[in-house]
């Protein structure tokens, strides 16, 4: 059975000039099923999970076999 995979990518973290690597931040992540498809909820989840604000991201919804 195929499973829906949701990713946030091209995340533009607000790091005050530090690199993403220095801060341990990913450029893309799989969004858990417990987070709805609403952009605001994904945004809140990213900030809550990683402890950094961001200035935008893109999403990709695909099916995994």
PDB file of N, CA and C in Angstrom:
ATOM      1  N   UNK A   1       0.841  -1.178   0.000  1.00  0.00           N
ATOM      2  CA  UNK A   1       0.000   0.000   0.000  1.00  0.00           C
ATOM      3  C   UNK A   1       0.891   1.248   0.000  1.00  0.00           C
ATOM      4  N   UNK A   2       0.527   2.223  -0.784  1.00  0.00           N
ATOM      5  CA  UNK A   2       1.290   3.469  -0.869  1.00  0.00           C
ATOM      6  C   UNK A   2       0.996   4.338   0.350  1.00  0.00           C
ATOM      7  N   UNK A   3       2.017   5.058   0.780  1.00  0.00           N
ATOM      8  CA  UNK A   3       1.878   5.958   1.921  1.00  0.00           C
ATOM      9  C   UNK A   3       2.197   7.377   1.471  1.00  0.00           C
ATOM     10  N   UNK A   4       1.423   8.320   1.939  1.00  0.00           N
ATOM     11  CA  UNK A   4       1.628   9.732   1.610  1.00  0.00           C
ATOM     12  C   UNK A   4       2.829  10.260   2.400  1.00  0.00           C
ATOM     13  N   UNK A   5       3.808  10.793   1.696  1.00  0.00           N
ATOM     14  CA  UNK A   5       4.991  11.390   2.313  1.00  0.00           C
ATOM     15  C   UNK A   5       4.937  12.889   2.054  1.00  0.00           C
ATOM     16  N   UNK A   6       5.089  13.664   3.108  1.00  0.00           N
ATOM     17  CA  UNK A   6       5.070  15.122   2.966  1.00  0.00           C
ATOM     18  C   UNK A   6       6.413  15.666   3.416  1.00  0.00           C
ATOM     19  N   UNK A   7       6.966  16.549   2.629  1.00  0.00           N
ATOM     20  CA  UNK A   7       8.256  17.151   2.970  1.00  0.00           C
ATOM     21  C   UNK A   7       8.164  18.664   2.928  1.00  0.00           C
ATOM     22  N   UNK A   8       8.894  19.292   3.841  1.00  0.00           N
ATOM     23  CA  UNK A   8       9.157  20.727   3.759  1.00  0.00           C
ATOM     24  C   UNK A   8      10.597  20.830   3.277  1.00  0.00           C
ATOM     25  N   UNK A   9      10.843  21.659   2.272  1.00  0.00           N
ATOM     26  CA  UNK A   9      12.196  21.792   1.738  1.00  0.00           C
ATOM     27  C   UNK A   9      12.473  23.256   1.412  1.00  0.00           C
ATOM     28  N   UNK A  10      13.724  23.519   1.074  1.00  0.00           N
ATOM     29  CA  UNK A  10      14.161  24.909   0.857  1.00  0.00           C
ATOM     30  C   UNK A  10      13.759  25.788   2.036  1.00  0.00           C
ATOM     31  N   UNK A  11      13.939  25.237   3.228  1.00  0.00           N
ATOM     32  CA  UNK A  11      13.585  25.983   4.439  1.00  0.00           C
ATOM     33  C   UNK A  11      14.599  27.109   4.617  1.00  0.00           C
ATOM     34  N   UNK A  12      14.103  28.304   4.770  1.00  0.00           N
ATOM     35  CA  UNK A  12      14.960  29.486   4.935  1.00  0.00           C
ATOM     36  C   UNK A  12      14.962  29.870   6.418  1.00  0.00           C
ATOM     37  N   UNK A  13      15.849  29.225   7.175  1.00  0.00           N
ATOM     38  CA  UNK A  13      15.935  29.464   8.605  1.00  0.00           C
ATOM     39  C   UNK A  13      16.483  30.849   8.899  1.00  0.00           C
ATOM     40  N   UNK A  14      15.993  31.459   9.966  1.00  0.00           N
ATOM     41  CA  UNK A  14      16.478  32.751  10.437  1.00  0.00           C
ATOM     42  C   UNK A  14      17.566  32.477  11.472  1.00  0.00           C
ATOM     43  N   UNK A  15      18.827  32.515  11.039  1.00  0.00           N
ATOM     44  CA  UNK A  15      19.945  32.127  11.903  1.00  0.00           C
ATOM     45  C   UNK A  15      20.847  33.296  12.301  1.00  0.00           C
ATOM     46  N   UNK A  16      20.442  34.506  12.025  1.00  0.00           N
ATOM     47  CA  UNK A  16      21.252  35.685  12.366  1.00  0.00           C
ATOM     48  C   UNK A  16      22.676  35.580  11.818  1.00  0.00           C
ATOM     49  N   UNK A  17      22.816  35.039  10.615  1.00  0.00           N
ATOM     50  CA  UNK A  17      24.111  34.998   9.947  1.00  0.00           C
ATOM     51  C   UNK A  17      24.888  33.705  10.112  1.00  0.00           C
ATOM     52  N   UNK A  18      24.523  32.861  11.052  1.00  0.00           N
ATOM     53  CA  UNK A  18      25.200  31.576  11.203  1.00  0.00           C
ATOM     54  C   UNK A  18      24.751  30.642  10.082  1.00  0.00           C
ATOM     55  N   UNK A  19      25.584  29.667   9.745  1.00  0.00           N
ATOM     56  CA  UNK A  19      25.191  28.717   8.709  1.00  0.00           C
ATOM     57  C   UNK A  19      24.214  27.698   9.291  1.00  0.00           C
ATOM     58  N   UNK A  20      23.440  27.082   8.415  1.00  0.00           N
ATOM     59  CA  UNK A  20      22.501  26.056   8.849  1.00  0.00           C
ATOM     60  C   UNK A  20      23.251  24.914   9.524  1.00  0.00           C
ATOM     61  N   UNK A  21      24.417  24.575   8.965  1.00  0.00           N
ATOM     62  CA  UNK A  21      25.220  23.483   9.519  1.00  0.00           C
ATOM     63  C   UNK A  21      25.690  23.830  10.933  1.00  0.00           C
ATOM     64  N   UNK A  22      26.142  25.064  11.142  1.00  0.00           N
ATOM     65  CA  UNK A  22      26.576  25.483  12.477  1.00  0.00           C
ATOM     66  C   UNK A  22      25.450  25.363  13.497  1.00  0.00           C
ATOM     67  N   UNK A  23      24.237  25.611  13.045  1.00  0.00           N
ATOM     68  CA  UNK A  23      23.066  25.558  13.928  1.00  0.00           C
ATOM     69  C   UNK A  23      22.439  24.168  13.982  1.00  0.00           C
ATOM     70  N   UNK A  24      22.906  23.245  13.144  1.00  0.00           N
ATOM     71  CA  UNK A  24      22.350  21.903  13.111  1.00  0.00           C
ATOM     72  C   UNK A  24      20.963  21.837  12.497  1.00  0.00           C
ATOM     73  N   UNK A  25      20.702  22.731  11.530  1.00  0.00           N
ATOM     74  CA  UNK A  25      19.375  22.815  10.920  1.00  0.00           C
ATOM     75  C   UNK A  25      19.332  22.125   9.559  1.00  0.00           C
ATOM     76  N   UNK A  26      18.269  21.398   9.294  1.00  0.00           N
ATOM     77  CA  UNK A  26      18.119  20.726   7.998  1.00  0.00           C
ATOM     78  C   UNK A  26      17.595  21.683   6.934  1.00  0.00           C
ATOM     79  N   UNK A  27      17.863  21.369   5.689  1.00  0.00           N
ATOM     80  CA  UNK A  27      17.292  22.117   4.559  1.00  0.00           C
ATOM     81  C   UNK A  27      15.953  21.523   4.152  1.00  0.00           C
ATOM     82  N   UNK A  28      15.734  20.247   4.492  1.00  0.00           N
ATOM     83  CA  UNK A  28      14.447  19.607   4.208  1.00  0.00           C
ATOM     84  C   UNK A  28      14.154  18.584   5.303  1.00  0.00           C
ATOM     85  N   UNK A  29      12.866  18.368   5.560  1.00  0.00           N
ATOM     86  CA  UNK A  29      12.437  17.407   6.582  1.00  0.00           C
ATOM     87  C   UNK A  29      11.143  16.742   6.138  1.00  0.00           C
ATOM     88  N   UNK A  30      10.922  15.532   6.630  1.00  0.00           N
ATOM     89  CA  UNK A  30       9.643  14.851   6.431  1.00  0.00           C
ATOM     90  C   UNK A  30       8.699  15.367   7.511  1.00  0.00           C
ATOM     91  N   UNK A  31       7.516  15.762   7.107  1.00  0.00           N
ATOM     92  CA  UNK A  31       6.504  16.285   8.023  1.00  0.00           C
ATOM     93  C   UNK A  31       5.721  15.102   8.588  1.00  0.00           C
ATOM     94  N   UNK A  32       5.634  14.988   9.903  1.00  0.00           N
ATOM     95  CA  UNK A  32       4.907  13.848  10.480  1.00  0.00           C
ATOM     96  C   UNK A  32       3.413  13.885  10.157  1.00  0.00           C
ATOM     97  N   UNK A  33       2.799  12.717  10.179  1.00  0.00           N
ATOM     98  CA  UNK A  33       1.366  12.603   9.893  1.00  0.00           C
ATOM     99  C   UNK A  33       0.516  13.381  10.890  1.00  0.00           C
ATOM    100  N   UNK A  34       1.037  13.611  12.093  1.00  0.00           N
ATOM    101  CA  UNK A  34       0.263  14.311  13.125  1.00  0.00           C
ATOM    102  C   UNK A  34       0.094  15.803  12.832  1.00  0.00           C
ATOM    103  N   UNK A  35       0.845  16.328  11.854  1.00  0.00           N
ATOM    104  CA  UNK A  35       0.759  17.744  11.463  1.00  0.00           C
ATOM    105  C   UNK A  35      -0.144  17.836  10.236  1.00  0.00           C
ATOM    106  N   UNK A  36      -1.111  18.734  10.262  1.00  0.00           N
ATOM    107  CA  UNK A  36      -2.039  18.858   9.125  1.00  0.00           C
ATOM    108  C   UNK A  36      -1.334  19.472   7.914  1.00  0.00           C
ATOM    109  N   UNK A  37      -2.042  19.491   6.794  1.00  0.00           N
ATOM    110  CA  UNK A  37      -1.501  20.070   5.558  1.00  0.00           C
ATOM    111  C   UNK A  37      -1.592  21.593   5.531  1.00  0.00           C
ATOM    112  N   UNK A  38      -2.141  22.204   6.559  1.00  0.00           N
ATOM    113  CA  UNK A  38      -2.289  23.656   6.617  1.00  0.00           C
ATOM    114  C   UNK A  38      -0.902  24.283   6.785  1.00  0.00           C
ATOM    115  N   UNK A  39      -0.570  25.224   5.911  1.00  0.00           N
ATOM    116  CA  UNK A  39       0.768  25.818   5.907  1.00  0.00           C
ATOM    117  C   UNK A  39       1.153  26.411   7.260  1.00  0.00           C
ATOM    118  N   UNK A  40       0.217  27.072   7.915  1.00  0.00           N
ATOM    119  CA  UNK A  40       0.511  27.681   9.216  1.00  0.00           C
ATOM    120  C   UNK A  40       0.878  26.627  10.259  1.00  0.00           C
ATOM    121  N   UNK A  41       0.233  25.479  10.216  1.00  0.00           N
ATOM    122  CA  UNK A  41       0.547  24.414  11.168  1.00  0.00           C
ATOM    123  C   UNK A  41       1.907  23.802  10.878  1.00  0.00           C
ATOM    124  N   UNK A  42       2.250  23.661   9.612  1.00  0.00           N
ATOM    125  CA  UNK A  42       3.581  23.169   9.246  1.00  0.00           C
ATOM    126  C   UNK A  42       4.632  24.173   9.712  1.00  0.00           C
ATOM    127  N   UNK A  43       4.367  25.455   9.498  1.00  0.00           N
ATOM    128  CA  UNK A  43       5.278  26.514   9.928  1.00  0.00           C
ATOM    129  C   UNK A  43       5.508  26.451  11.432  1.00  0.00           C
ATOM    130  N   UNK A  44       4.440  26.344  12.197  1.00  0.00           N
ATOM    131  CA  UNK A  44       4.558  26.261  13.655  1.00  0.00           C
ATOM    132  C   UNK A  44       5.341  25.019  14.067  1.00  0.00           C
ATOM    133  N   UNK A  45       5.067  23.895  13.414  1.00  0.00           N
ATOM    134  CA  UNK A  45       5.766  22.654  13.738  1.00  0.00           C
ATOM    135  C   UNK A  45       7.265  22.799  13.490  1.00  0.00           C
ATOM    136  N   UNK A  46       7.658  23.402  12.359  1.00  0.00           N
ATOM    137  CA  UNK A  46       9.078  23.595  12.069  1.00  0.00           C
ATOM    138  C   UNK A  46       9.752  24.413  13.170  1.00  0.00           C
ATOM    139  N   UNK A  47       9.157  25.542  13.521  1.00  0.00           N
ATOM    140  CA  UNK A  47       9.749  26.410  14.544  1.00  0.00           C
ATOM    141  C   UNK A  47       9.784  25.732  15.915  1.00  0.00           C
ATOM    142  N   UNK A  48       8.705  25.066  16.272  1.00  0.00           N
ATOM    143  CA  UNK A  48       8.648  24.385  17.576  1.00  0.00           C
ATOM    144  C   UNK A  48       9.651  23.234  17.652  1.00  0.00           C
ATOM    145  N   UNK A  49       9.797  22.495  16.570  1.00  0.00           N
ATOM    146  CA  UNK A  49      10.669  21.330  16.556  1.00  0.00           C
ATOM    147  C   UNK A  49      12.144  21.702  16.561  1.00  0.00           C
ATOM    148  N   UNK A  50      12.515  22.714  15.798  1.00  0.00           N
ATOM    149  CA  UNK A  50      13.931  23.044  15.623  1.00  0.00           C
ATOM    150  C   UNK A  50      14.381  24.270  16.411  1.00  0.00           C
ATOM    151  N   UNK A  51      13.459  24.990  17.043  1.00  0.00           N
ATOM    152  CA  UNK A  51      13.825  26.100  17.906  1.00  0.00           C
ATOM    153  C   UNK A  51      14.290  27.347  17.184  1.00  0.00           C
ATOM    154  N   UNK A  52      14.014  27.444  15.893  1.00  0.00           N
ATOM    155  CA  UNK A  52      14.380  28.608  15.095  1.00  0.00           C
ATOM    156  C   UNK A  52      13.172  29.063  14.293  1.00  0.00           C
ATOM    157  N   UNK A  53      13.058  30.363  14.105  1.00  0.00           N
ATOM    158  CA  UNK A  53      12.059  30.886  13.184  1.00  0.00           C
ATOM    159  C   UNK A  53      12.569  30.670  11.759  1.00  0.00           C
ATOM    160  N   UNK A  54      11.702  30.846  10.800  1.00  0.00           N
ATOM    161  CA  UNK A  54      12.118  30.710   9.408  1.00  0.00           C
ATOM    162  C   UNK A  54      11.436  31.797   8.588  1.00  0.00           C
ATOM    163  N   UNK A  55      11.963  31.975   7.403  1.00  0.00           N
ATOM    164  CA  UNK A  55      11.422  32.979   6.480  1.00  0.00           C
ATOM    165  C   UNK A  55      10.830  32.322   5.245  1.00  0.00           C
ATOM    166  N   UNK A  56      10.253  31.151   5.430  1.00  0.00           N
ATOM    167  CA  UNK A  56       9.581  30.468   4.334  1.00  0.00           C
ATOM    168  C   UNK A  56      10.126  29.084   4.058  1.00  0.00           C
ATOM    169  N   UNK A  57       9.342  28.331   3.317  1.00  0.00           N
ATOM    170  CA  UNK A  57       9.675  26.966   2.918  1.00  0.00           C
ATOM    171  C   UNK A  57       8.740  26.559   1.796  1.00  0.00           C
ATOM    172  N   UNK A  58       9.066  25.469   1.139  1.00  0.00           N
ATOM    173  CA  UNK A  58       8.198  24.884   0.117  1.00  0.00           C
ATOM    174  C   UNK A  58       7.771  23.507   0.623  1.00  0.00           C
ATOM    175  N   UNK A  59       6.681  22.991   0.088  1.00  0.00           N
ATOM    176  CA  UNK A  59       6.240  21.654   0.459  1.00  0.00           C
ATOM    177  C   UNK A  59       6.104  20.775  -0.761  1.00  0.00           C
ATOM    178  N   UNK A  60       6.244  19.501  -0.535  1.00  0.00           N
ATOM    179  CA  UNK A  60       6.125  18.494  -1.588  1.00  0.00           C
ATOM    180  C   UNK A  60       5.345  17.335  -0.991  1.00  0.00           C
ATOM    181  N   UNK A  61       4.298  16.935  -1.648  1.00  0.00           N
ATOM    182  CA  UNK A  61       3.477  15.823  -1.210  1.00  0.00           C
ATOM    183  C   UNK A  61       3.587  14.726  -2.260  1.00  0.00           C
ATOM    184  N   UNK A  62       4.058  13.551  -1.849  1.00  0.00           N
ATOM    185  CA  UNK A  62       4.270  12.477  -2.800  1.00  0.00           C
ATOM    186  C   UNK A  62       3.780  11.161  -2.184  1.00  0.00           C
ATOM    187  N   UNK A  63       3.707  10.160  -2.998  1.00  0.00           N
ATOM    188  CA  UNK A  63       3.320   8.838  -2.535  1.00  0.00           C
ATOM    189  C   UNK A  63       4.548   7.935  -2.543  1.00  0.00           C
ATOM    190  N   UNK A  64       4.764   7.222  -1.450  1.00  0.00           N
ATOM    191  CA  UNK A  64       5.862   6.283  -1.346  1.00  0.00           C
ATOM    192  C   UNK A  64       5.293   4.880  -1.499  1.00  0.00           C
ATOM    193  N   UNK A  65       5.928   4.076  -2.311  1.00  0.00           N
ATOM    194  CA  UNK A  65       5.448   2.703  -2.535  1.00  0.00           C
ATOM    195  C   UNK A  65       6.058   1.762  -1.530  1.00  0.00           C
TER     196      UNK A  65
END
